[in-house]
Amino acid sequence: MSHNLMSHVFNLDPDMLEVGNGGMSTEEYRSHFSIWVISKFPLILGCDVRSMGKDTFTLLSNKEVIAANQDKLGIQGKKVKTGDLEVWAGPLSSNRVAVILWNRGSSKASISAKFCDLGL
């Protein structure tokens, strides 16, 4: 394997999801889970499923979101717009695209994305 390929294959160590472990807001959990999903990281729960709350269960059992992670195309999404208003996109099978619009700032804002940035 070339060094370039090795760095792409072995650089990531996502470990497990932190959703439901405490210390984050529901919005932070949603952001964490979304990045995990679009990155195609394994969805390994790190919380105690016996005591997870309703919000955590609802987030982690969203079939449409899980389907994006498990999509047969298997290509990781990537950040296509940086700054406080990030856009992430990743190709899915059947000419579909998973998209995350992520406001990392401290105030409400509108986020937009261009179709060409999303691979459409």
PDB file of N, CA and C in Angstrom:
ATOM      1  N   MET A   1       0.831  -1.186   0.000  1.00  0.00           N
ATOM      2  CA  MET A   1       0.000   0.000   0.000  1.00  0.00           C
ATOM      3  C   MET A   1       0.872   1.244   0.000  1.00  0.00           C
ATOM      4  N   SER A   2       0.442   2.230  -0.749  1.00  0.00           N
ATOM      5  CA  SER A   2       1.198   3.477  -0.762  1.00  0.00           C
ATOM      6  C   SER A   2       0.992   4.222   0.554  1.00  0.00           C
ATOM      7  N   HIS A   3       1.936   5.104   0.870  1.00  0.00           N
ATOM      8  CA  HIS A   3       1.823   5.892   2.100  1.00  0.00           C
ATOM      9  C   HIS A   3       0.547   6.731   2.089  1.00  0.00           C
ATOM     10  N   ASN A   4       0.228   7.317   0.940  1.00  0.00           N
ATOM     11  CA  ASN A   4      -0.960   8.154   0.837  1.00  0.00           C
ATOM     12  C   ASN A   4      -2.217   7.348   1.153  1.00  0.00           C
ATOM     13  N   LEU A   5      -2.316   6.159   0.598  1.00  0.00           N
ATOM     14  CA  LEU A   5      -3.465   5.309   0.872  1.00  0.00           C
ATOM     15  C   LEU A   5      -3.481   4.878   2.332  1.00  0.00           C
ATOM     16  N   MET A   6      -2.337   4.521   2.868  1.00  0.00           N
ATOM     17  CA  MET A   6      -2.252   4.108   4.272  1.00  0.00           C
ATOM     18  C   MET A   6      -2.734   5.218   5.198  1.00  0.00           C
ATOM     19  N   SER A   7      -2.373   6.460   4.914  1.00  0.00           N
ATOM     20  CA  SER A   7      -2.775   7.553   5.797  1.00  0.00           C
ATOM     21  C   SER A   7      -4.280   7.743   5.768  1.00  0.00           C
ATOM     22  N   HIS A   8      -4.910   7.477   4.630  1.00  0.00           N
ATOM     23  CA  HIS A   8      -6.364   7.606   4.548  1.00  0.00           C
ATOM     24  C   HIS A   8      -7.067   6.431   5.209  1.00  0.00           C
ATOM     25  N   VAL A   9      -6.493   5.272   5.126  1.00  0.00           N
ATOM     26  CA  VAL A   9      -7.130   4.074   5.664  1.00  0.00           C
ATOM     27  C   VAL A   9      -6.992   3.992   7.177  1.00  0.00           C
ATOM     28  N   PHE A  10      -5.846   4.352   7.707  1.00  0.00           N
ATOM     29  CA  PHE A  10      -5.572   4.082   9.111  1.00  0.00           C
ATOM     30  C   PHE A  10      -5.545   5.311  10.012  1.00  0.00           C
ATOM     31  N   ASN A  11      -5.886   6.470   9.511  1.00  0.00           N
ATOM     32  CA  ASN A  11      -5.859   7.678  10.325  1.00  0.00           C
ATOM     33  C   ASN A  11      -7.035   7.784  11.288  1.00  0.00           C
ATOM     34  N   LEU A  12      -8.167   7.260  10.916  1.00  0.00           N
ATOM     35  CA  LEU A  12      -9.379   7.457  11.697  1.00  0.00           C
ATOM     36  C   LEU A  12      -9.501   6.425  12.814  1.00  0.00           C
ATOM     37  N   ASP A  13      -9.829   6.906  13.999  1.00  0.00           N
ATOM     38  CA  ASP A  13     -10.080   6.034  15.136  1.00  0.00           C
ATOM     39  C   ASP A  13     -11.282   6.587  15.886  1.00  0.00           C
ATOM     40  N   PRO A  14     -12.484   6.383  15.335  1.00  0.00           N
ATOM     41  CA  PRO A  14     -13.660   7.019  15.910  1.00  0.00           C
ATOM     42  C   PRO A  14     -14.143   6.418  17.222  1.00  0.00           C
ATOM     43  N   ASP A  15     -13.650   5.255  17.615  1.00  0.00           N
ATOM     44  CA  ASP A  15     -14.024   4.624  18.873  1.00  0.00           C
ATOM     45  C   ASP A  15     -15.526   4.384  18.919  1.00  0.00           C
ATOM     46  N   MET A  16     -16.239   4.998  19.875  1.00  0.00           N
ATOM     47  CA  MET A  16     -17.670   4.755  19.995  1.00  0.00           C
ATOM     48  C   MET A  16     -18.420   6.068  20.173  1.00  0.00           C
ATOM     49  N   LEU A  17     -19.716   6.010  19.953  1.00  0.00           N
ATOM     50  CA  LEU A  17     -20.573   7.186  20.099  1.00  0.00           C
ATOM     51  C   LEU A  17     -20.663   7.622  21.556  1.00  0.00           C
ATOM     52  N   GLU A  18     -20.679   8.919  21.765  1.00  0.00           N
ATOM     53  CA  GLU A  18     -20.826   9.476  23.111  1.00  0.00           C
ATOM     54  C   GLU A  18     -22.268   9.870  23.419  1.00  0.00           C
ATOM     55  N   VAL A  19     -23.161   9.673  22.462  1.00  0.00           N
ATOM     56  CA  VAL A  19     -24.564  10.052  22.639  1.00  0.00           C
ATOM     57  C   VAL A  19     -25.149   9.323  23.844  1.00  0.00           C
ATOM     58  N   GLY A  20     -25.725  10.083  24.762  1.00  0.00           N
ATOM     59  CA  GLY A  20     -26.372   9.509  25.932  1.00  0.00           C
ATOM     60  C   GLY A  20     -25.487   9.342  27.148  1.00  0.00           C
ATOM     61  N   ASN A  21     -24.219   9.722  27.050  1.00  0.00           N
ATOM     62  CA  ASN A  21     -23.299   9.564  28.183  1.00  0.00           C
ATOM     63  C   ASN A  21     -23.303  10.742  29.145  1.00  0.00           C
ATOM     64  N   GLY A  22     -24.053  11.773  28.853  1.00  0.00           N
ATOM     65  CA  GLY A  22     -24.080  12.950  29.713  1.00  0.00           C
ATOM     66  C   GLY A  22     -23.026  13.955  29.298  1.00  0.00           C
ATOM     67  N   GLY A  23     -23.245  15.189  29.710  1.00  0.00           N
ATOM     68  CA  GLY A  23     -22.270  16.231  29.444  1.00  0.00           C
ATOM     69  C   GLY A  23     -22.498  17.014  28.167  1.00  0.00           C
ATOM     70  N   MET A  24     -23.481  16.621  27.363  1.00  0.00           N
ATOM     71  CA  MET A  24     -23.789  17.347  26.130  1.00  0.00           C
ATOM     72  C   MET A  24     -25.283  17.617  26.058  1.00  0.00           C
ATOM     73  N   SER A  25     -25.629  18.658  25.316  1.00  0.00           N
ATOM     74  CA  SER A  25     -27.043  18.967  25.085  1.00  0.00           C
ATOM     75  C   SER A  25     -27.591  18.042  23.995  1.00  0.00           C
ATOM     76  N   THR A  26     -28.903  18.025  23.847  1.00  0.00           N
ATOM     77  CA  THR A  26     -29.527  17.229  22.790  1.00  0.00           C
ATOM     78  C   THR A  26     -29.001  17.652  21.424  1.00  0.00           C
ATOM     79  N   GLU A  27     -28.828  18.957  21.219  1.00  0.00           N
ATOM     80  CA  GLU A  27     -28.310  19.465  19.945  1.00  0.00           C
ATOM     81  C   GLU A  27     -26.876  18.989  19.705  1.00  0.00           C
ATOM     82  N   GLU A  28     -26.066  18.979  20.757  1.00  0.00           N
ATOM     83  CA  GLU A  28     -24.686  18.498  20.618  1.00  0.00           C
ATOM     84  C   GLU A  28     -24.656  17.001  20.310  1.00  0.00           C
ATOM     85  N   TYR A  29     -25.536  16.242  20.955  1.00  0.00           N
ATOM     86  CA  TYR A  29     -25.633  14.815  20.647  1.00  0.00           C
ATOM     87  C   TYR A  29     -26.041  14.612  19.189  1.00  0.00           C
ATOM     88  N   ARG A  30     -27.016  15.405  18.723  1.00  0.00           N
ATOM     89  CA  ARG A  30     -27.480  15.296  17.341  1.00  0.00           C
ATOM     90  C   ARG A  30     -26.339  15.595  16.368  1.00  0.00           C
ATOM     91  N   SER A  31     -25.560  16.621  16.663  1.00  0.00           N
ATOM     92  CA  SER A  31     -24.421  16.973  15.806  1.00  0.00           C
ATOM     93  C   SER A  31     -23.388  15.848  15.788  1.00  0.00           C
ATOM     94  N   HIS A  32     -23.066  15.340  16.962  1.00  0.00           N
ATOM     95  CA  HIS A  32     -22.090  14.247  17.088  1.00  0.00           C
ATOM     96  C   HIS A  32     -22.551  13.028  16.284  1.00  0.00           C
ATOM     97  N   PHE A  33     -23.799  12.648  16.453  1.00  0.00           N
ATOM     98  CA  PHE A  33     -24.347  11.486  15.754  1.00  0.00           C
ATOM     99  C   PHE A  33     -24.356  11.714  14.246  1.00  0.00           C
ATOM    100  N   SER A  34     -24.724  12.914  13.825  1.00  0.00           N
ATOM    101  CA  SER A  34     -24.786  13.227  12.395  1.00  0.00           C
ATOM    102  C   SER A  34     -23.424  13.105  11.728  1.00  0.00           C
ATOM    103  N   ILE A  35     -22.391  13.635  12.370  1.00  0.00           N
ATOM    104  CA  ILE A  35     -21.043  13.537  11.811  1.00  0.00           C
ATOM    105  C   ILE A  35     -20.601  12.070  11.764  1.00  0.00           C
ATOM    106  N   TRP A  36     -20.944  11.315  12.795  1.00  0.00           N
ATOM    107  CA  TRP A  36     -20.614   9.883  12.833  1.00  0.00           C
ATOM    108  C   TRP A  36     -21.270   9.173  11.652  1.00  0.00           C
ATOM    109  N   VAL A  37     -22.544   9.485  11.426  1.00  0.00           N
ATOM    110  CA  VAL A  37     -23.312   8.828  10.367  1.00  0.00           C
ATOM    111  C   VAL A  37     -22.741   9.149   8.991  1.00  0.00           C
ATOM    112  N   ILE A  38     -22.539  10.425   8.687  1.00  0.00           N
ATOM    113  CA  ILE A  38     -22.080  10.810   7.348  1.00  0.00           C
ATOM    114  C   ILE A  38     -20.644  10.363   7.094  1.00  0.00           C
ATOM    115  N   SER A  39     -19.887  10.175   8.168  1.00  0.00           N
ATOM    116  CA  SER A  39     -18.502   9.707   8.036  1.00  0.00           C
ATOM    117  C   SER A  39     -18.415   8.194   7.883  1.00  0.00           C
ATOM    118  N   LYS A  40     -19.563   7.516   8.004  1.00  0.00           N
ATOM    119  CA  LYS A  40     -19.639   6.056   7.874  1.00  0.00           C
ATOM    120  C   LYS A  40     -18.885   5.324   8.980  1.00  0.00           C
ATOM    121  N   PHE A  41     -18.714   5.996  10.126  1.00  0.00           N
ATOM    122  CA  PHE A  41     -18.085   5.337  11.261  1.00  0.00           C
ATOM    123  C   PHE A  41     -19.038   4.265  11.790  1.00  0.00           C
ATOM    124  N   PRO A  42     -18.523   3.190  12.365  1.00  0.00           N
ATOM    125  CA  PRO A  42     -19.395   2.174  12.961  1.00  0.00           C
ATOM    126  C   PRO A  42     -20.243   2.783  14.079  1.00  0.00           C
ATOM    127  N   LEU A  43     -21.505   2.436  14.102  1.00  0.00           N
ATOM    128  CA  LEU A  43     -22.421   2.974  15.112  1.00  0.00           C
ATOM    129  C   LEU A  43     -22.382   2.094  16.358  1.00  0.00           C
ATOM    130  N   ILE A  44     -21.333   2.259  17.133  1.00  0.00           N
ATOM    131  CA  ILE A  44     -21.138   1.499  18.366  1.00  0.00           C
ATOM    132  C   ILE A  44     -21.543   2.391  19.529  1.00  0.00           C
ATOM    133  N   LEU A  45     -22.584   1.988  20.237  1.00  0.00           N
ATOM    134  CA  LEU A  45     -23.089   2.807  21.338  1.00  0.00           C
ATOM    135  C   LEU A  45     -22.143   2.762  22.527  1.00  0.00           C
ATOM    136  N   GLY A  46     -21.934   3.925  23.120  1.00  0.00           N
ATOM    137  CA  GLY A  46     -21.078   4.019  24.293  1.00  0.00           C
ATOM    138  C   GLY A  46     -21.869   4.263  25.563  1.00  0.00           C
ATOM    139  N   CYS A  47     -23.192   4.380  25.428  1.00  0.00           N
ATOM    140  CA  CYS A  47     -24.021   4.651  26.607  1.00  0.00           C
ATOM    141  C   CYS A  47     -24.662   3.357  27.105  1.00  0.00           C
ATOM    142  N   ASP A  48     -25.172   3.422  28.311  1.00  0.00           N
ATOM    143  CA  ASP A  48     -25.869   2.285  28.904  1.00  0.00           C
ATOM    144  C   ASP A  48     -27.287   2.263  28.335  1.00  0.00           C
ATOM    145  N   VAL A  49     -27.575   1.311  27.459  1.00  0.00           N
ATOM    146  CA  VAL A  49     -28.881   1.270  26.799  1.00  0.00           C
ATOM    147  C   VAL A  49     -30.022   0.995  27.777  1.00  0.00           C
ATOM    148  N   ARG A  50     -29.704   0.459  28.935  1.00  0.00           N
ATOM    149  CA  ARG A  50     -30.745   0.165  29.929  1.00  0.00           C
ATOM    150  C   ARG A  50     -31.294   1.427  30.566  1.00  0.00           C
ATOM    151  N   SER A  51     -30.538   2.505  30.497  1.00  0.00           N
ATOM    152  CA  SER A  51     -30.988   3.729  31.173  1.00  0.00           C
ATOM    153  C   SER A  51     -31.020   4.947  30.252  1.00  0.00           C
ATOM    154  N   MET A  52     -30.979   4.733  28.930  1.00  0.00           N
ATOM    155  CA  MET A  52     -31.004   5.893  28.033  1.00  0.00           C
ATOM    156  C   MET A  52     -32.374   6.552  28.051  1.00  0.00           C
ATOM    157  N   GLY A  53     -32.372   7.870  27.929  1.00  0.00           N
ATOM    158  CA  GLY A  53     -33.605   8.640  27.919  1.00  0.00           C
ATOM    159  C   GLY A  53     -34.318   8.557  26.579  1.00  0.00           C
ATOM    160  N   LYS A  54     -35.531   9.082  26.559  1.00  0.00           N
ATOM    161  CA  LYS A  54     -36.360   9.044  25.354  1.00  0.00           C
ATOM    162  C   LYS A  54     -35.697   9.791  24.197  1.00  0.00           C
ATOM    163  N   ASP A  55     -35.136  10.986  24.455  1.00  0.00           N
ATOM    164  CA  ASP A  55     -34.482  11.762  23.394  1.00  0.00           C
ATOM    165  C   ASP A  55     -33.312  10.996  22.793  1.00  0.00           C
ATOM    166  N   THR A  56     -32.533  10.350  23.643  1.00  0.00           N
ATOM    167  CA  THR A  56     -31.389   9.565  23.165  1.00  0.00           C
ATOM    168  C   THR A  56     -31.868   8.392  22.321  1.00  0.00           C
ATOM    169  N   PHE A  57     -32.886   7.690  22.792  1.00  0.00           N
ATOM    170  CA  PHE A  57     -33.426   6.557  22.040  1.00  0.00           C
ATOM    171  C   PHE A  57     -33.966   7.008  20.689  1.00  0.00           C
ATOM    172  N   THR A  58     -34.713   8.115  20.687  1.00  0.00           N
ATOM    173  CA  THR A  58     -35.278   8.635  19.438  1.00  0.00           C
ATOM    174  C   THR A  58     -34.175   8.969  18.438  1.00  0.00           C
ATOM    175  N   LEU A  59     -33.130   9.619  18.908  1.00  0.00           N
ATOM    176  CA  LEU A  59     -32.013   9.986  18.038  1.00  0.00           C
ATOM    177  C   LEU A  59     -31.310   8.747  17.488  1.00  0.00           C
ATOM    178  N   LEU A  60     -30.973   7.815  18.352  1.00  0.00           N
ATOM    179  CA  LEU A  60     -30.187   6.649  17.956  1.00  0.00           C
ATOM    180  C   LEU A  60     -30.977   5.610  17.164  1.00  0.00           C
ATOM    181  N   SER A  61     -32.297   5.703  17.170  1.00  0.00           N
ATOM    182  CA  SER A  61     -33.108   4.710  16.462  1.00  0.00           C
ATOM    183  C   SER A  61     -33.766   5.277  15.203  1.00  0.00           C
ATOM    184  N   ASN A  62     -33.310   6.436  14.735  1.00  0.00           N
ATOM    185  CA  ASN A  62     -33.853   7.053  13.527  1.00  0.00           C
ATOM    186  C   ASN A  62     -33.443   6.210  12.312  1.00  0.00           C
ATOM    187  N   LYS A  63     -34.407   5.487  11.751  1.00  0.00           N
ATOM    188  CA  LYS A  63     -34.117   4.530  10.676  1.00  0.00           C
ATOM    189  C   LYS A  63     -33.553   5.200   9.427  1.00  0.00           C
ATOM    190  N   GLU A  64     -34.037   6.385   9.091  1.00  0.00           N
ATOM    191  CA  GLU A  64     -33.551   7.081   7.901  1.00  0.00           C
ATOM    192  C   GLU A  64     -32.087   7.494   8.064  1.00  0.00           C
ATOM    193  N   VAL A  65     -31.746   7.959   9.256  1.00  0.00           N
ATOM    194  CA  VAL A  65     -30.366   8.371   9.525  1.00  0.00           C
ATOM    195  C   VAL A  65     -29.446   7.148   9.539  1.00  0.00           C
ATOM    196  N   ILE A  66     -29.875   6.085  10.186  1.00  0.00           N
ATOM    197  CA  ILE A  66     -29.075   4.855  10.213  1.00  0.00           C
ATOM    198  C   ILE A  66     -28.874   4.326   8.790  1.00  0.00           C
ATOM    199  N   ALA A  67     -29.910   4.417   7.953  1.00  0.00           N
ATOM    200  CA  ALA A  67     -29.797   3.955   6.566  1.00  0.00           C
ATOM    201  C   ALA A  67     -28.731   4.739   5.805  1.00  0.00           C
ATOM    202  N   ALA A  68     -28.576   6.031   6.089  1.00  0.00           N
ATOM    203  CA  ALA A  68     -27.530   6.831   5.434  1.00  0.00           C
ATOM    204  C   ALA A  68     -26.150   6.312   5.828  1.00  0.00           C
ATOM    205  N   ASN A  69     -25.985   5.936   7.088  1.00  0.00           N
ATOM    206  CA  ASN A  69     -24.706   5.394   7.551  1.00  0.00           C
ATOM    207  C   ASN A  69     -24.425   4.027   6.924  1.00  0.00           C
ATOM    208  N   GLN A  70     -25.457   3.227   6.774  1.00  0.00           N
ATOM    209  CA  GLN A  70     -25.310   1.850   6.304  1.00  0.00           C
ATOM    210  C   GLN A  70     -25.488   1.714   4.790  1.00  0.00           C
ATOM    211  N   ASP A  71     -25.623   2.810   4.072  1.00  0.00           N
ATOM    212  CA  ASP A  71     -25.869   2.793   2.634  1.00  0.00           C
ATOM    213  C   ASP A  71     -24.830   1.936   1.908  1.00  0.00           C
ATOM    214  N   LYS A  72     -25.290   1.168   0.932  1.00  0.00           N
ATOM    215  CA  LYS A  72     -24.418   0.204   0.251  1.00  0.00           C
ATOM    216  C   LYS A  72     -23.291   0.849  -0.544  1.00  0.00           C
ATOM    217  N   LEU A  73     -23.405   2.122  -0.904  1.00  0.00           N
ATOM    218  CA  LEU A  73     -22.319   2.783  -1.628  1.00  0.00           C
ATOM    219  C   LEU A  73     -21.084   2.905  -0.739  1.00  0.00           C
ATOM    220  N   GLY A  74     -21.302   3.157   0.550  1.00  0.00           N
ATOM    221  CA  GLY A  74     -20.220   3.113   1.535  1.00  0.00           C
ATOM    222  C   GLY A  74     -19.150   4.180   1.416  1.00  0.00           C
ATOM    223  N   ILE A  75     -19.460   5.317   0.811  1.00  0.00           N
ATOM    224  CA  ILE A  75     -18.467   6.381   0.657  1.00  0.00           C
ATOM    225  C   ILE A  75     -18.673   7.435   1.737  1.00  0.00           C
ATOM    226  N   GLN A  76     -17.585   7.777   2.442  1.00  0.00           N
ATOM    227  CA  GLN A  76     -17.652   8.788   3.497  1.00  0.00           C
ATOM    228  C   GLN A  76     -18.040  10.143   2.938  1.00  0.00           C
ATOM    229  N   GLY A  77     -18.824  10.869   3.727  1.00  0.00           N
ATOM    230  CA  GLY A  77     -19.097  12.252   3.400  1.00  0.00           C
ATOM    231  C   GLY A  77     -17.926  13.116   3.821  1.00  0.00           C
ATOM    232  N   LYS A  78     -17.983  14.384   3.462  1.00  0.00           N
ATOM    233  CA  LYS A  78     -16.900  15.300   3.825  1.00  0.00           C
ATOM    234  C   LYS A  78     -17.451  16.705   4.004  1.00  0.00           C
ATOM    235  N   LYS A  79     -16.668  17.519   4.672  1.00  0.00           N
ATOM    236  CA  LYS A  79     -17.027  18.917   4.872  1.00  0.00           C
ATOM    237  C   LYS A  79     -16.819  19.640   3.548  1.00  0.00           C
ATOM    238  N   VAL A  80     -17.868  20.329   3.062  1.00  0.00           N
ATOM    239  CA  VAL A  80     -17.758  21.044   1.794  1.00  0.00           C
ATOM    240  C   VAL A  80     -17.820  22.561   1.976  1.00  0.00           C
ATOM    241  N   LYS A  81     -18.133  23.001   3.185  1.00  0.00           N
ATOM    242  CA  LYS A  81     -18.140  24.431   3.502  1.00  0.00           C
ATOM    243  C   LYS A  81     -17.703  24.572   4.951  1.00  0.00           C
ATOM    244  N   THR A  82     -16.710  25.428   5.204  1.00  0.00           N
ATOM    245  CA  THR A  82     -16.169  25.585   6.550  1.00  0.00           C
ATOM    246  C   THR A  82     -16.598  26.909   7.168  1.00  0.00           C
ATOM    247  N   GLY A  83     -16.260  27.074   8.433  1.00  0.00           N
ATOM    248  CA  GLY A  83     -16.612  28.279   9.175  1.00  0.00           C
ATOM    249  C   GLY A  83     -17.631  27.951  10.243  1.00  0.00           C
ATOM    250  N   ASP A  84     -18.289  28.982  10.773  1.00  0.00           N
ATOM    251  CA  ASP A  84     -19.321  28.746  11.782  1.00  0.00           C
ATOM    252  C   ASP A  84     -20.537  28.025  11.205  1.00  0.00           C
ATOM    253  N   LEU A  85     -20.774  28.188   9.913  1.00  0.00           N
ATOM    254  CA  LEU A  85     -21.903  27.539   9.240  1.00  0.00           C
ATOM    255  C   LEU A  85     -21.349  26.493   8.273  1.00  0.00           C
ATOM    256  N   GLU A  86     -21.192  25.285   8.779  1.00  0.00           N
ATOM    257  CA  GLU A  86     -20.589  24.212   7.991  1.00  0.00           C
ATOM    258  C   GLU A  86     -21.637  23.456   7.187  1.00  0.00           C
ATOM    259  N   VAL A  87     -21.197  22.936   6.057  1.00  0.00           N
ATOM    260  CA  VAL A  87     -22.011  22.036   5.244  1.00  0.00           C
ATOM    261  C   VAL A  87     -21.182  20.784   4.998  1.00  0.00           C
ATOM    262  N   TRP A  88     -21.790  19.642   5.264  1.00  0.00           N
ATOM    263  CA  TRP A  88     -21.171  18.339   5.008  1.00  0.00           C
ATOM    264  C   TRP A  88     -22.053  17.614   4.001  1.00  0.00           C
ATOM    265  N   ALA A  89     -21.445  16.847   3.110  1.00  0.00           N
ATOM    266  CA  ALA A  89     -22.218  16.090   2.123  1.00  0.00           C
ATOM    267  C   ALA A  89     -21.526  14.772   1.830  1.00  0.00           C
ATOM    268  N   GLY A  90     -22.331  13.770   1.557  1.00  0.00           N
ATOM    269  CA  GLY A  90     -21.793  12.461   1.216  1.00  0.00           C
ATOM    270  C   GLY A  90     -22.710  11.739   0.259  1.00  0.00           C
ATOM    271  N   PRO A  91     -22.136  11.102  -0.755  1.00  0.00           N
ATOM    272  CA  PRO A  91     -22.958  10.393  -1.740  1.00  0.00           C
ATOM    273  C   PRO A  91     -23.581   9.127  -1.158  1.00  0.00           C
ATOM    274  N   LEU A  92     -24.791   8.856  -1.615  1.00  0.00           N
ATOM    275  CA  LEU A  92     -25.499   7.628  -1.270  1.00  0.00           C
ATOM    276  C   LEU A  92     -25.851   6.903  -2.564  1.00  0.00           C
ATOM    277  N   SER A  93     -26.251   5.668  -2.461  1.00  0.00           N
ATOM    278  CA  SER A  93     -26.665   4.911  -3.640  1.00  0.00           C
ATOM    279  C   SER A  93     -27.912   5.544  -4.263  1.00  0.00           C
ATOM    280  N   SER A  94     -28.225   5.138  -5.465  1.00  0.00           N
ATOM    281  CA  SER A  94     -29.401   5.621  -6.209  1.00  0.00           C
ATOM    282  C   SER A  94     -29.369   7.131  -6.426  1.00  0.00           C
ATOM    283  N   ASN A  95     -28.174   7.677  -6.625  1.00  0.00           N
ATOM    284  CA  ASN A  95     -27.991   9.109  -6.910  1.00  0.00           C
ATOM    285  C   ASN A  95     -28.572  10.022  -5.834  1.00  0.00           C
ATOM    286  N   ARG A  96     -28.452   9.619  -4.586  1.00  0.00           N
ATOM    287  CA  ARG A  96     -28.902  10.437  -3.460  1.00  0.00           C
ATOM    288  C   ARG A  96     -27.689  10.978  -2.723  1.00  0.00           C
ATOM    289  N   VAL A  97     -27.934  11.981  -1.877  1.00  0.00           N
ATOM    290  CA  VAL A  97     -26.856  12.609  -1.114  1.00  0.00           C
ATOM    291  C   VAL A  97     -27.337  12.852   0.315  1.00  0.00           C
ATOM    292  N   ALA A  98     -26.489  12.529   1.280  1.00  0.00           N
ATOM    293  CA  ALA A  98     -26.749  12.885   2.680  1.00  0.00           C
ATOM    294  C   ALA A  98     -26.117  14.253   2.920  1.00  0.00           C
ATOM    295  N   VAL A  99     -26.840  15.135   3.609  1.00  0.00           N
ATOM    296  CA  VAL A  99     -26.363  16.502   3.837  1.00  0.00           C
ATOM    297  C   VAL A  99     -26.537  16.869   5.303  1.00  0.00           C
ATOM    298  N   ILE A 100     -25.524  17.528   5.854  1.00  0.00           N
ATOM    299  CA  ILE A 100     -25.607  18.096   7.199  1.00  0.00           C
ATOM    300  C   ILE A 100     -25.400  19.596   7.072  1.00  0.00           C
ATOM    301  N   LEU A 101     -26.330  20.370   7.608  1.00  0.00           N
ATOM    302  CA  LEU A 101     -26.193  21.820   7.727  1.00  0.00           C
ATOM    303  C   LEU A 101     -25.954  22.085   9.202  1.00  0.00           C
ATOM    304  N   TRP A 102     -24.766  22.551   9.550  1.00  0.00           N
ATOM    305  CA  TRP A 102     -24.340  22.599  10.944  1.00  0.00           C
ATOM    306  C   TRP A 102     -23.943  24.011  11.339  1.00  0.00           C
ATOM    307  N   ASN A 103     -24.721  24.588  12.231  1.00  0.00           N
ATOM    308  CA  ASN A 103     -24.403  25.912  12.780  1.00  0.00           C
ATOM    309  C   ASN A 103     -23.533  25.714  14.014  1.00  0.00           C
ATOM    310  N   ARG A 104     -22.248  25.986  13.876  1.00  0.00           N
ATOM    311  CA  ARG A 104     -21.319  25.851  14.997  1.00  0.00           C
ATOM    312  C   ARG A 104     -21.182  27.154  15.769  1.00  0.00           C
ATOM    313  N   GLY A 105     -21.872  28.180  15.310  1.00  0.00           N
ATOM    314  CA  GLY A 105     -21.813  29.477  15.974  1.00  0.00           C
ATOM    315  C   GLY A 105     -22.694  29.516  17.208  1.00  0.00           C
ATOM    316  N   SER A 106     -22.704  30.650  17.861  1.00  0.00           N
ATOM    317  CA  SER A 106     -23.463  30.793  19.113  1.00  0.00           C
ATOM    318  C   SER A 106     -24.806  31.488  18.917  1.00  0.00           C
ATOM    319  N   SER A 107     -25.138  31.891  17.693  1.00  0.00           N
ATOM    320  CA  SER A 107     -26.428  32.536  17.449  1.00  0.00           C
ATOM    321  C   SER A 107     -27.134  31.862  16.277  1.00  0.00           C
ATOM    322  N   LYS A 108     -28.450  32.066  16.211  1.00  0.00           N
ATOM    323  CA  LYS A 108     -29.236  31.480  15.129  1.00  0.00           C
ATOM    324  C   LYS A 108     -28.778  32.059  13.796  1.00  0.00           C
ATOM    325  N   ALA A 109     -28.813  31.223  12.771  1.00  0.00           N
ATOM    326  CA  ALA A 109     -28.408  31.666  11.438  1.00  0.00           C
ATOM    327  C   ALA A 109     -29.024  30.749  10.390  1.00  0.00           C
ATOM    328  N   SER A 110     -29.197  31.276   9.205  1.00  0.00           N
ATOM    329  CA  SER A 110     -29.642  30.475   8.068  1.00  0.00           C
ATOM    330  C   SER A 110     -28.414  29.898   7.375  1.00  0.00           C
ATOM    331  N   ILE A 111     -28.521  28.660   6.950  1.00  0.00           N
ATOM    332  CA  ILE A 111     -27.421  27.994   6.262  1.00  0.00           C
ATOM    333  C   ILE A 111     -27.928  27.562   4.890  1.00  0.00           C
ATOM    334  N   SER A 112     -27.122  27.791   3.888  1.00  0.00           N
ATOM    335  CA  SER A 112     -27.484  27.341   2.547  1.00  0.00           C
ATOM    336  C   SER A 112     -26.319  26.565   1.945  1.00  0.00           C
ATOM    337  N   ALA A 113     -26.644  25.790   0.935  1.00  0.00           N
ATOM    338  CA  ALA A 113     -25.621  25.011   0.233  1.00  0.00           C
ATOM    339  C   ALA A 113     -25.944  25.030  -1.251  1.00  0.00           C
ATOM    340  N   LYS A 114     -24.910  25.050  -2.051  1.00  0.00           N
ATOM    341  CA  LYS A 114     -25.081  24.999  -3.501  1.00  0.00           C
ATOM    342  C   LYS A 114     -25.142  23.541  -3.938  1.00  0.00           C
ATOM    343  N   PHE A 115     -26.012  23.255  -4.900  1.00  0.00           N
ATOM    344  CA  PHE A 115     -26.131  21.890  -5.400  1.00  0.00           C
ATOM    345  C   PHE A 115     -24.787  21.348  -5.866  1.00  0.00           C
ATOM    346  N   CYS A 116     -23.984  22.189  -6.516  1.00  0.00           N
ATOM    347  CA  CYS A 116     -22.691  21.706  -7.026  1.00  0.00           C
ATOM    348  C   CYS A 116     -21.758  21.306  -5.883  1.00  0.00           C
ATOM    349  N   ASP A 117     -21.870  21.967  -4.715  1.00  0.00           N
ATOM    350  CA  ASP A 117     -21.045  21.593  -3.561  1.00  0.00           C
ATOM    351  C   ASP A 117     -21.468  20.249  -2.969  1.00  0.00           C
ATOM    352  N   LEU A 118     -22.721  19.889  -3.211  1.00  0.00           N
ATOM    353  CA  LEU A 118     -23.259  18.643  -2.665  1.00  0.00           C
ATOM    354  C   LEU A 118     -23.056  17.462  -3.606  1.00  0.00           C
ATOM    355  N   GLY A 119     -22.456  17.730  -4.740  1.00  0.00           N
ATOM    356  CA  GLY A 119     -22.229  16.669  -5.712  1.00  0.00           C
ATOM    357  C   GLY A 119     -23.423  16.411  -6.603  1.00  0.00           C
ATOM    358  N   LEU A 120     -24.325  17.385  -6.688  1.00  0.00           N
ATOM    359  CA  LEU A 120     -25.528  17.228  -7.522  1.00  0.00           C
ATOM    360  C   LEU A 120     -25.411  18.016  -8.804  1.00  0.00           C
TER     361      LEU A 120
END
